[in-house]
Amino acid sequence: MFRPVAAVTHQTVLSVKHYTDRLFAFRITRPASFRFRSGEFVMLGLEVDGKPLLRAYSIASPSWDEELEFFSIKVPDGPLTSRLQEIQPGDEILLATKSVGTLVLDALMPGRRLYLLSTGTGVAPFASIVRDPETYEKFETVVLTHTTREVAELEYSRELIERVRNDPLVGEAAAGRLIYYPSCTRETFERQGRITRLIDDGTLFSDIGCPPFDPAEDRVMICGSIEMIASCRTRVEGAGLSEGSNARPGEFVVEKSFVG
C-alpha cells in the first residue's frame, strides 16, 4: 500500500545485518529534527527511476537513540524490499519527516502487565518499546512474545534481549521484569506453536506465572501478520479488553500499517 508523503529527507545507511534469507536489519542516520514516540512507524524507501518509492516501517530503535534502526523482511518481487535488501553502508535512503502509529504507550490505559505479542518482523516496534525507560515506569511486568517459523528467525529478538539487559539506561529497570517468550511453528524448539494456541491452552500464562488476560491489570499490543492480529484481537476482546487509540486510550492496541 503506497501512501503520499509530504516531505522526505536523505539519510545514510550506517550498518546492515542479514539474519536469514528472509530477514535483515539496518541502521541509518537520524536527522536532528526527527522526533518520534517509541513504537511508531515512518515512511522509508529509495529513489527509483527518479521517484521516491516508500513504505511504512516500524522504528525499532527507542526514541532516545541517536540512530534509527529497522527490521525488515525480504520480498523477492517486492517493489521496495527487493531493492532495499541490497543496501550497503554509505548508501542513501529516504526518510519521511513525520512518524505516526498506534503501538504507543499513550494509547493504553494504566495497568500492571504489558504484553507485546509479535510474529516475524512484527517484533520491530516492540524492540523500541522494551528499550524505553517509560515502559518500566508504567508497568511492573513486560512480556515480549516472538513467534517465528524457524529458529534462526528468532536471532534478532534474542540479540535484542541481550542488548536490553546490558543497556546502561534500561538494563537495571528491565532486570527481573522483562520476560522474553519465543516460540517456533515449523522447527523443533524449546517452545513450539502459534502464540494463539499458547494463549488458548494456558501455556503462556503457566510458563510465566501470570493469570490469564485480565482487563483490570493487563494491557496488550499486537503486531504481526494480518491473520495473527485478527486472531489475537479475538482472544483479547474475548477476555474483556477494549481497543484503544491515540484519541481514546484502551486496554489493547494493534498495528495498522504493513510493509511489503
C-alpha atoms as a PDB file:
ATOM      1  CA  MET A   1       0.000   0.000   0.000  1.00  0.00           C
ATOM      2  CA  PHE A   2       1.623   3.254  -1.122  1.00  0.00           C
ATOM      3  CA  ARG A   3       0.940   6.481   0.697  1.00  0.00           C
ATOM      4  CA  PRO A   4       1.680  10.066  -0.285  1.00  0.00           C
ATOM      5  CA  VAL A   5       4.412  11.736   1.733  1.00  0.00           C
ATOM      6  CA  ALA A   6       4.649  15.483   2.121  1.00  0.00           C
ATOM      7  CA  ALA A   7       8.386  15.627   2.704  1.00  0.00           C
ATOM      8  CA  VAL A   8      11.359  13.298   2.879  1.00  0.00           C
ATOM      9  CA  THR A   9      14.947  13.667   3.982  1.00  0.00           C
ATOM     10  CA  HIS A  10      18.029  11.946   2.591  1.00  0.00           C
ATOM     11  CA  GLN A  11      19.797   9.773   5.153  1.00  0.00           C
ATOM     12  CA  THR A  12      22.833   7.486   5.118  1.00  0.00           C
ATOM     13  CA  VAL A  13      22.880   3.745   5.773  1.00  0.00           C
ATOM     14  CA  LEU A  14      25.240   3.084   8.700  1.00  0.00           C
ATOM     15  CA  SER A  15      25.089  -0.709   9.027  1.00  0.00           C
ATOM     16  CA  VAL A  16      23.291  -3.742   7.618  1.00  0.00           C
ATOM     17  CA  LYS A  17      22.948  -7.212   9.126  1.00  0.00           C
ATOM     18  CA  HIS A  18      21.351 -10.176   7.336  1.00  0.00           C
ATOM     19  CA  TYR A  19      19.871 -12.757   9.707  1.00  0.00           C
ATOM     20  CA  THR A  20      18.385 -15.224   7.207  1.00  0.00           C
ATOM     21  CA  ASP A  21      17.498 -15.279   3.526  1.00  0.00           C
ATOM     22  CA  ARG A  22      14.201 -13.646   4.569  1.00  0.00           C
ATOM     23  CA  LEU A  23      15.190 -11.169   7.291  1.00  0.00           C
ATOM     24  CA  PHE A  24      17.633  -8.305   7.722  1.00  0.00           C
ATOM     25  CA  ALA A  25      18.131  -5.236   9.915  1.00  0.00           C
ATOM     26  CA  PHE A  26      19.756  -1.911   9.170  1.00  0.00           C
ATOM     27  CA  ARG A  27      20.573   1.371  10.861  1.00  0.00           C
ATOM     28  CA  ILE A  28      20.561   4.841   9.324  1.00  0.00           C
ATOM     29  CA  THR A  29      21.413   8.362  10.383  1.00  0.00           C
ATOM     30  CA  ARG A  30      18.760  10.285  12.301  1.00  0.00           C
ATOM     31  CA  PRO A  31      18.030  13.925  11.478  1.00  0.00           C
ATOM     32  CA  ALA A  32      18.384  16.190  14.493  1.00  0.00           C
ATOM     33  CA  SER A  33      14.832  17.430  13.906  1.00  0.00           C
ATOM     34  CA  PHE A  34      13.232  13.951  13.704  1.00  0.00           C
ATOM     35  CA  ARG A  35      11.087  13.157  16.727  1.00  0.00           C
ATOM     36  CA  PHE A  36       9.026  10.024  17.364  1.00  0.00           C
ATOM     37  CA  ARG A  37       7.375   8.042  20.135  1.00  0.00           C
ATOM     38  CA  SER A  38       8.682   4.518  20.740  1.00  0.00           C
ATOM     39  CA  GLY A  39       6.508   2.092  18.762  1.00  0.00           C
ATOM     40  CA  GLU A  40       5.663   4.429  15.871  1.00  0.00           C
ATOM     41  CA  PHE A  41       6.327   3.846  12.160  1.00  0.00           C
ATOM     42  CA  VAL A  42       7.629   6.086   9.413  1.00  0.00           C
ATOM     43  CA  MET A  43       7.635   6.083   5.615  1.00  0.00           C
ATOM     44  CA  LEU A  44      11.010   4.883   4.367  1.00  0.00           C
ATOM     45  CA  GLY A  45      12.408   3.989   0.969  1.00  0.00           C
ATOM     46  CA  LEU A  46      14.602   4.550  -2.034  1.00  0.00           C
ATOM     47  CA  GLU A  47      14.615   6.674  -5.119  1.00  0.00           C
ATOM     48  CA  VAL A  48      13.676   4.517  -8.120  1.00  0.00           C
ATOM     49  CA  ASP A  49      13.651   5.923 -11.669  1.00  0.00           C
ATOM     50  CA  GLY A  50      13.828   9.413 -10.265  1.00  0.00           C
ATOM     51  CA  LYS A  51      10.831   8.969  -7.960  1.00  0.00           C
ATOM     52  CA  PRO A  52      10.561   8.109  -4.241  1.00  0.00           C
ATOM     53  CA  LEU A  53       9.399   4.547  -3.549  1.00  0.00           C
ATOM     54  CA  LEU A  54       8.270   4.439   0.074  1.00  0.00           C
ATOM     55  CA  ARG A  55       6.651   2.036   2.505  1.00  0.00           C
ATOM     56  CA  ALA A  56       5.724   2.165   6.182  1.00  0.00           C
ATOM     57  CA  TYR A  57       8.362   0.730   8.527  1.00  0.00           C
ATOM     58  CA  SER A  58       8.181   0.436  12.298  1.00  0.00           C
ATOM     59  CA  ILE A  59      11.102   2.138  14.012  1.00  0.00           C
ATOM     60  CA  ALA A  60      12.952  -0.490  16.034  1.00  0.00           C
ATOM     61  CA  SER A  61      15.220   1.912  17.899  1.00  0.00           C
ATOM     62  CA  PRO A  62      13.953   3.666  21.040  1.00  0.00           C
ATOM     63  CA  SER A  63      13.063   7.336  20.890  1.00  0.00           C
ATOM     64  CA  TRP A  64      16.290   8.336  22.655  1.00  0.00           C
ATOM     65  CA  ASP A  65      18.627   6.628  20.142  1.00  0.00           C
ATOM     66  CA  GLU A  66      20.856   8.850  18.018  1.00  0.00           C
ATOM     67  CA  GLU A  67      20.390   6.478  15.070  1.00  0.00           C
ATOM     68  CA  LEU A  68      17.326   4.825  13.525  1.00  0.00           C
ATOM     69  CA  GLU A  69      17.041   1.033  13.352  1.00  0.00           C
ATOM     70  CA  PHE A  70      14.694  -1.060  11.185  1.00  0.00           C
ATOM     71  CA  PHE A  71      13.983  -4.796  10.888  1.00  0.00           C
ATOM     72  CA  SER A  72      12.681  -5.959   7.524  1.00  0.00           C
ATOM     73  CA  ILE A  73      11.541  -8.923   5.513  1.00  0.00           C
ATOM     74  CA  LYS A  74      12.981  -9.658   2.077  1.00  0.00           C
ATOM     75  CA  VAL A  75      10.343  -9.984  -0.610  1.00  0.00           C
ATOM     76  CA  PRO A  76      11.976 -11.222  -3.866  1.00  0.00           C
ATOM     77  CA  ASP A  77       9.455  -9.463  -6.079  1.00  0.00           C
ATOM     78  CA  GLY A  78       8.520  -6.684  -3.652  1.00  0.00           C
ATOM     79  CA  PRO A  79       8.709  -3.250  -5.297  1.00  0.00           C
ATOM     80  CA  LEU A  80      10.736  -1.840  -2.399  1.00  0.00           C
ATOM     81  CA  THR A  81      12.108  -4.720  -0.324  1.00  0.00           C
ATOM     82  CA  SER A  82      13.637  -6.437  -3.373  1.00  0.00           C
ATOM     83  CA  ARG A  83      15.836  -3.334  -3.679  1.00  0.00           C
ATOM     84  CA  LEU A  84      16.168  -2.456  -0.021  1.00  0.00           C
ATOM     85  CA  GLN A  85      17.761  -5.796   0.853  1.00  0.00           C
ATOM     86  CA  GLU A  86      20.717  -4.835  -1.350  1.00  0.00           C
ATOM     87  CA  ILE A  87      21.630  -1.660   0.549  1.00  0.00           C
ATOM     88  CA  GLN A  88      25.155  -1.234   1.906  1.00  0.00           C
ATOM     89  CA  PRO A  89      26.698   1.138   4.466  1.00  0.00           C
ATOM     90  CA  GLY A  90      27.170   4.518   2.838  1.00  0.00           C
ATOM     91  CA  ASP A  91      24.120   4.221   0.576  1.00  0.00           C
ATOM     92  CA  GLU A  92      21.435   6.893   0.626  1.00  0.00           C
ATOM     93  CA  ILE A  93      17.942   6.199   1.879  1.00  0.00           C
ATOM     94  CA  LEU A  94      14.780   8.301   2.007  1.00  0.00           C
ATOM     95  CA  LEU A  95      13.079   9.021   5.326  1.00  0.00           C
ATOM     96  CA  ALA A  96       9.817  10.887   5.831  1.00  0.00           C
ATOM     97  CA  THR A  97       9.848  13.803   8.241  1.00  0.00           C
ATOM     98  CA  LYS A  98       6.895  12.641  10.346  1.00  0.00           C
ATOM     99  CA  SER A  99       6.144   9.395  12.202  1.00  0.00           C
ATOM    100  CA  VAL A 100       2.750   8.061  13.281  1.00  0.00           C
ATOM    101  CA  GLY A 101       1.339   4.905  14.814  1.00  0.00           C
ATOM    102  CA  THR A 102      -0.990   3.071  17.147  1.00  0.00           C
ATOM    103  CA  LEU A 103       1.521   0.925  19.073  1.00  0.00           C
ATOM    104  CA  VAL A 104       2.407   3.613  21.597  1.00  0.00           C
ATOM    105  CA  LEU A 105       2.161   3.720  25.364  1.00  0.00           C
ATOM    106  CA  ASP A 106      -0.073   6.787  25.174  1.00  0.00           C
ATOM    107  CA  ALA A 107      -2.814   4.647  23.590  1.00  0.00           C
ATOM    108  CA  LEU A 108      -3.029   2.362  26.638  1.00  0.00           C
ATOM    109  CA  MET A 109      -4.642   2.967  29.993  1.00  0.00           C
ATOM    110  CA  PRO A 110      -2.502   2.392  33.110  1.00  0.00           C
ATOM    111  CA  GLY A 111      -2.045  -1.269  34.011  1.00  0.00           C
ATOM    112  CA  ARG A 112       0.154  -3.751  35.818  1.00  0.00           C
ATOM    113  CA  ARG A 113       1.376  -6.006  32.999  1.00  0.00           C
ATOM    114  CA  LEU A 114       2.173  -5.196  29.378  1.00  0.00           C
ATOM    115  CA  TYR A 115       2.017  -7.997  26.801  1.00  0.00           C
ATOM    116  CA  LEU A 116       3.795  -7.408  23.479  1.00  0.00           C
ATOM    117  CA  LEU A 117       2.564 -10.138  21.111  1.00  0.00           C
ATOM    118  CA  SER A 118       4.565 -10.404  17.881  1.00  0.00           C
ATOM    119  CA  THR A 119       5.343 -12.656  14.946  1.00  0.00           C
ATOM    120  CA  GLY A 120       8.124 -12.253  12.375  1.00  0.00           C
ATOM    121  CA  THR A 121       9.192  -8.648  11.798  1.00  0.00           C
ATOM    122  CA  GLY A 122       6.251  -7.587  13.955  1.00  0.00           C
ATOM    123  CA  VAL A 123       8.753  -7.534  16.816  1.00  0.00           C
ATOM    124  CA  ALA A 124      10.252  -4.290  15.407  1.00  0.00           C
ATOM    125  CA  PRO A 125       8.061  -1.731  17.211  1.00  0.00           C
ATOM    126  CA  PHE A 126       8.445  -3.709  20.425  1.00  0.00           C
ATOM    127  CA  ALA A 127      12.227  -3.520  20.051  1.00  0.00           C
ATOM    128  CA  SER A 128      11.670   0.191  20.514  1.00  0.00           C
ATOM    129  CA  ILE A 129       9.237  -0.117  23.411  1.00  0.00           C
ATOM    130  CA  VAL A 130      11.300  -2.554  25.536  1.00  0.00           C
ATOM    131  CA  ARG A 131      14.235  -0.132  25.347  1.00  0.00           C
ATOM    132  CA  ASP A 132      12.190   2.865  26.503  1.00  0.00           C
ATOM    133  CA  PRO A 133      12.519   3.785  30.211  1.00  0.00           C
ATOM    134  CA  GLU A 134       8.892   4.968  30.226  1.00  0.00           C
ATOM    135  CA  THR A 135       7.750   1.383  29.656  1.00  0.00           C
ATOM    136  CA  TYR A 136       9.162   0.296  33.010  1.00  0.00           C
ATOM    137  CA  GLU A 137       7.816   3.390  34.738  1.00  0.00           C
ATOM    138  CA  LYS A 138       4.292   2.457  33.637  1.00  0.00           C
ATOM    139  CA  PHE A 139       4.304  -1.351  34.001  1.00  0.00           C
ATOM    140  CA  GLU A 140       5.552  -3.781  36.643  1.00  0.00           C
ATOM    141  CA  THR A 141       5.981  -6.654  34.151  1.00  0.00           C
ATOM    142  CA  VAL A 142       6.630  -6.586  30.404  1.00  0.00           C
ATOM    143  CA  VAL A 143       6.141  -9.798  28.391  1.00  0.00           C
ATOM    144  CA  LEU A 144       7.603  -9.898  24.871  1.00  0.00           C
ATOM    145  CA  THR A 145       6.408 -12.867  22.829  1.00  0.00           C
ATOM    146  CA  HIS A 146       8.002 -13.527  19.442  1.00  0.00           C
ATOM    147  CA  THR A 147       6.837 -16.384  17.234  1.00  0.00           C
ATOM    148  CA  THR A 148       8.601 -17.340  14.008  1.00  0.00           C
ATOM    149  CA  ARG A 149       8.539 -20.263  11.616  1.00  0.00           C
ATOM    150  CA  GLU A 150      12.213 -21.181  12.052  1.00  0.00           C
ATOM    151  CA  VAL A 151      14.631 -20.968  14.964  1.00  0.00           C
ATOM    152  CA  ALA A 152      17.110 -18.774  13.044  1.00  0.00           C
ATOM    153  CA  GLU A 153      14.395 -16.149  12.649  1.00  0.00           C
ATOM    154  CA  LEU A 154      14.453 -15.584  16.413  1.00  0.00           C
ATOM    155  CA  GLU A 155      18.028 -14.321  16.375  1.00  0.00           C
ATOM    156  CA  TYR A 156      17.048 -10.645  16.127  1.00  0.00           C
ATOM    157  CA  SER A 157      14.858 -10.786  19.238  1.00  0.00           C
ATOM    158  CA  ARG A 158      17.440 -12.838  21.129  1.00  0.00           C
ATOM    159  CA  GLU A 159      20.035 -10.162  20.398  1.00  0.00           C
ATOM    160  CA  LEU A 160      17.528  -7.503  21.388  1.00  0.00           C
ATOM    161  CA  ILE A 161      17.012  -9.012  24.835  1.00  0.00           C
ATOM    162  CA  GLU A 162      20.765  -9.152  25.398  1.00  0.00           C
ATOM    163  CA  ARG A 163      21.075  -5.504  24.419  1.00  0.00           C
ATOM    164  CA  VAL A 164      18.312  -4.546  26.836  1.00  0.00           C
ATOM    165  CA  ARG A 165      19.912  -6.453  29.699  1.00  0.00           C
ATOM    166  CA  ASN A 166      23.260  -4.759  29.080  1.00  0.00           C
ATOM    167  CA  ASP A 167      21.851  -1.300  28.375  1.00  0.00           C
ATOM    168  CA  PRO A 168      23.013   1.295  30.933  1.00  0.00           C
ATOM    169  CA  LEU A 169      19.757   3.240  30.530  1.00  0.00           C
ATOM    170  CA  VAL A 170      17.133   0.485  30.906  1.00  0.00           C
ATOM    171  CA  GLY A 171      19.032  -2.664  31.886  1.00  0.00           C
ATOM    172  CA  GLU A 172      18.519  -2.228  35.621  1.00  0.00           C
ATOM    173  CA  ALA A 173      14.826  -1.346  35.260  1.00  0.00           C
ATOM    174  CA  ALA A 174      14.198  -4.326  32.963  1.00  0.00           C
ATOM    175  CA  ALA A 175      16.011  -6.833  35.188  1.00  0.00           C
ATOM    176  CA  GLY A 176      13.537  -9.357  36.526  1.00  0.00           C
ATOM    177  CA  ARG A 177      10.650  -7.518  34.890  1.00  0.00           C
ATOM    178  CA  LEU A 178      11.126  -8.120  31.154  1.00  0.00           C
ATOM    179  CA  ILE A 179      10.054 -11.636  30.180  1.00  0.00           C
ATOM    180  CA  TYR A 180      11.140 -12.953  26.770  1.00  0.00           C
ATOM    181  CA  TYR A 181       8.849 -15.662  25.392  1.00  0.00           C
ATOM    182  CA  PRO A 182       9.956 -17.035  21.971  1.00  0.00           C
ATOM    183  CA  SER A 183       8.305 -19.881  20.074  1.00  0.00           C
ATOM    184  CA  CYS A 184       8.595 -21.592  16.688  1.00  0.00           C
ATOM    185  CA  THR A 185       5.969 -23.207  14.492  1.00  0.00           C
ATOM    186  CA  ARG A 186       7.952 -25.270  11.955  1.00  0.00           C
ATOM    187  CA  GLU A 187      11.120 -26.400  13.712  1.00  0.00           C
ATOM    188  CA  THR A 188      11.894 -28.212  16.937  1.00  0.00           C
ATOM    189  CA  PHE A 189      12.398 -25.660  19.679  1.00  0.00           C
ATOM    190  CA  GLU A 190      12.085 -25.426  23.453  1.00  0.00           C
ATOM    191  CA  ARG A 191       8.633 -23.944  22.893  1.00  0.00           C
ATOM    192  CA  GLN A 192       6.567 -24.763  19.818  1.00  0.00           C
ATOM    193  CA  GLY A 193       3.280 -23.464  18.488  1.00  0.00           C
ATOM    194  CA  ARG A 194       1.485 -20.304  17.474  1.00  0.00           C
ATOM    195  CA  ILE A 195       1.033 -17.725  20.211  1.00  0.00           C
ATOM    196  CA  THR A 196      -2.727 -18.113  19.853  1.00  0.00           C
ATOM    197  CA  ARG A 197      -2.508 -21.814  20.801  1.00  0.00           C
ATOM    198  CA  LEU A 198      -0.210 -20.999  23.715  1.00  0.00           C
ATOM    199  CA  ILE A 199      -2.800 -18.494  24.895  1.00  0.00           C
ATOM    200  CA  ASP A 200      -5.754 -20.835  24.339  1.00  0.00           C
ATOM    201  CA  ASP A 201      -4.343 -23.805  26.256  1.00  0.00           C
ATOM    202  CA  GLY A 202      -2.954 -21.616  29.030  1.00  0.00           C
ATOM    203  CA  THR A 203       0.689 -22.498  28.348  1.00  0.00           C
ATOM    204  CA  LEU A 204       1.750 -18.857  28.057  1.00  0.00           C
ATOM    205  CA  PHE A 205       0.322 -17.920  31.426  1.00  0.00           C
ATOM    206  CA  SER A 206       1.521 -21.012  33.295  1.00  0.00           C
ATOM    207  CA  ASP A 207       5.028 -20.642  31.836  1.00  0.00           C
ATOM    208  CA  ILE A 208       5.414 -17.041  33.006  1.00  0.00           C
ATOM    209  CA  GLY A 209       3.491 -17.450  36.243  1.00  0.00           C
ATOM    210  CA  CYS A 210       0.738 -14.954  35.468  1.00  0.00           C
ATOM    211  CA  PRO A 211      -3.070 -15.304  35.372  1.00  0.00           C
ATOM    212  CA  PRO A 212      -4.983 -15.184  32.047  1.00  0.00           C
ATOM    213  CA  PHE A 213      -5.689 -11.785  30.487  1.00  0.00           C
ATOM    214  CA  ASP A 214      -7.489  -9.514  32.933  1.00  0.00           C
ATOM    215  CA  PRO A 215      -8.825  -6.129  31.754  1.00  0.00           C
ATOM    216  CA  ALA A 216      -8.215  -4.727  35.231  1.00  0.00           C
ATOM    217  CA  GLU A 217      -4.467  -5.374  35.111  1.00  0.00           C
ATOM    218  CA  ASP A 218      -3.296  -6.360  31.618  1.00  0.00           C
ATOM    219  CA  ARG A 219      -2.537  -4.232  28.565  1.00  0.00           C
ATOM    220  CA  VAL A 220      -1.712  -5.782  25.198  1.00  0.00           C
ATOM    221  CA  MET A 221      -0.013  -4.648  21.990  1.00  0.00           C
ATOM    222  CA  ILE A 222      -0.280  -6.861  18.903  1.00  0.00           C
ATOM    223  CA  CYS A 223       1.917  -6.787  15.776  1.00  0.00           C
ATOM    224  CA  GLY A 224       2.403  -9.440  13.079  1.00  0.00           C
ATOM    225  CA  SER A 225       0.611 -10.731  10.015  1.00  0.00           C
ATOM    226  CA  ILE A 226      -2.945  -9.632   9.301  1.00  0.00           C
ATOM    227  CA  GLU A 227      -4.178 -13.103  10.262  1.00  0.00           C
ATOM    228  CA  MET A 228      -2.211 -13.136  13.507  1.00  0.00           C
ATOM    229  CA  ILE A 229      -3.500  -9.714  14.505  1.00  0.00           C
ATOM    230  CA  ALA A 230      -7.098 -10.766  13.840  1.00  0.00           C
ATOM    231  CA  SER A 231      -6.691 -13.987  15.852  1.00  0.00           C
ATOM    232  CA  CYS A 232      -5.062 -12.260  18.807  1.00  0.00           C
ATOM    233  CA  ARG A 233      -7.600  -9.449  18.721  1.00  0.00           C
ATOM    234  CA  THR A 234     -10.388 -12.025  19.030  1.00  0.00           C
ATOM    235  CA  ARG A 235      -8.751 -13.523  22.097  1.00  0.00           C
ATOM    236  CA  VAL A 236      -8.054 -10.306  23.985  1.00  0.00           C
ATOM    237  CA  GLU A 237     -11.521  -8.969  23.206  1.00  0.00           C
ATOM    238  CA  GLY A 238     -12.932 -12.286  24.403  1.00  0.00           C
ATOM    239  CA  ALA A 239     -11.093 -11.704  27.673  1.00  0.00           C
ATOM    240  CA  GLY A 240     -12.875  -8.371  28.056  1.00  0.00           C
ATOM    241  CA  LEU A 241     -10.163  -5.962  26.888  1.00  0.00           C
ATOM    242  CA  SER A 242     -11.208  -2.938  24.807  1.00  0.00           C
ATOM    243  CA  GLU A 243      -9.211  -1.443  21.937  1.00  0.00           C
ATOM    244  CA  GLY A 244      -7.537   1.901  22.463  1.00  0.00           C
ATOM    245  CA  SER A 245      -6.196   4.677  20.261  1.00  0.00           C
ATOM    246  CA  ASN A 246      -4.241   7.894  20.495  1.00  0.00           C
ATOM    247  CA  ALA A 247      -7.503   9.758  20.970  1.00  0.00           C
ATOM    248  CA  ARG A 248      -9.011   7.341  23.483  1.00  0.00           C
ATOM    249  CA  PRO A 249      -6.649   5.029  25.418  1.00  0.00           C
ATOM    250  CA  GLY A 250      -7.815   1.465  25.963  1.00  0.00           C
ATOM    251  CA  GLU A 251      -6.625  -1.938  27.133  1.00  0.00           C
ATOM    252  CA  PHE A 252      -5.112  -3.172  23.867  1.00  0.00           C
ATOM    253  CA  VAL A 253      -3.863  -1.801  20.544  1.00  0.00           C
ATOM    254  CA  VAL A 254      -2.899  -3.371  17.208  1.00  0.00           C
ATOM    255  CA  GLU A 255      -0.558  -2.409  14.377  1.00  0.00           C
ATOM    256  CA  LYS A 256      -2.367  -0.801  11.460  1.00  0.00           C
ATOM    257  CA  SER A 257       0.420  -0.481   8.891  1.00  0.00           C
ATOM    258  CA  PHE A 258       2.016  -3.189   6.778  1.00  0.00           C
ATOM    259  CA  VAL A 259       5.160  -3.299   4.642  1.00  0.00           C
ATOM    260  CA  GLY A 260       5.973  -5.323   1.549  1.00  0.00           C
END
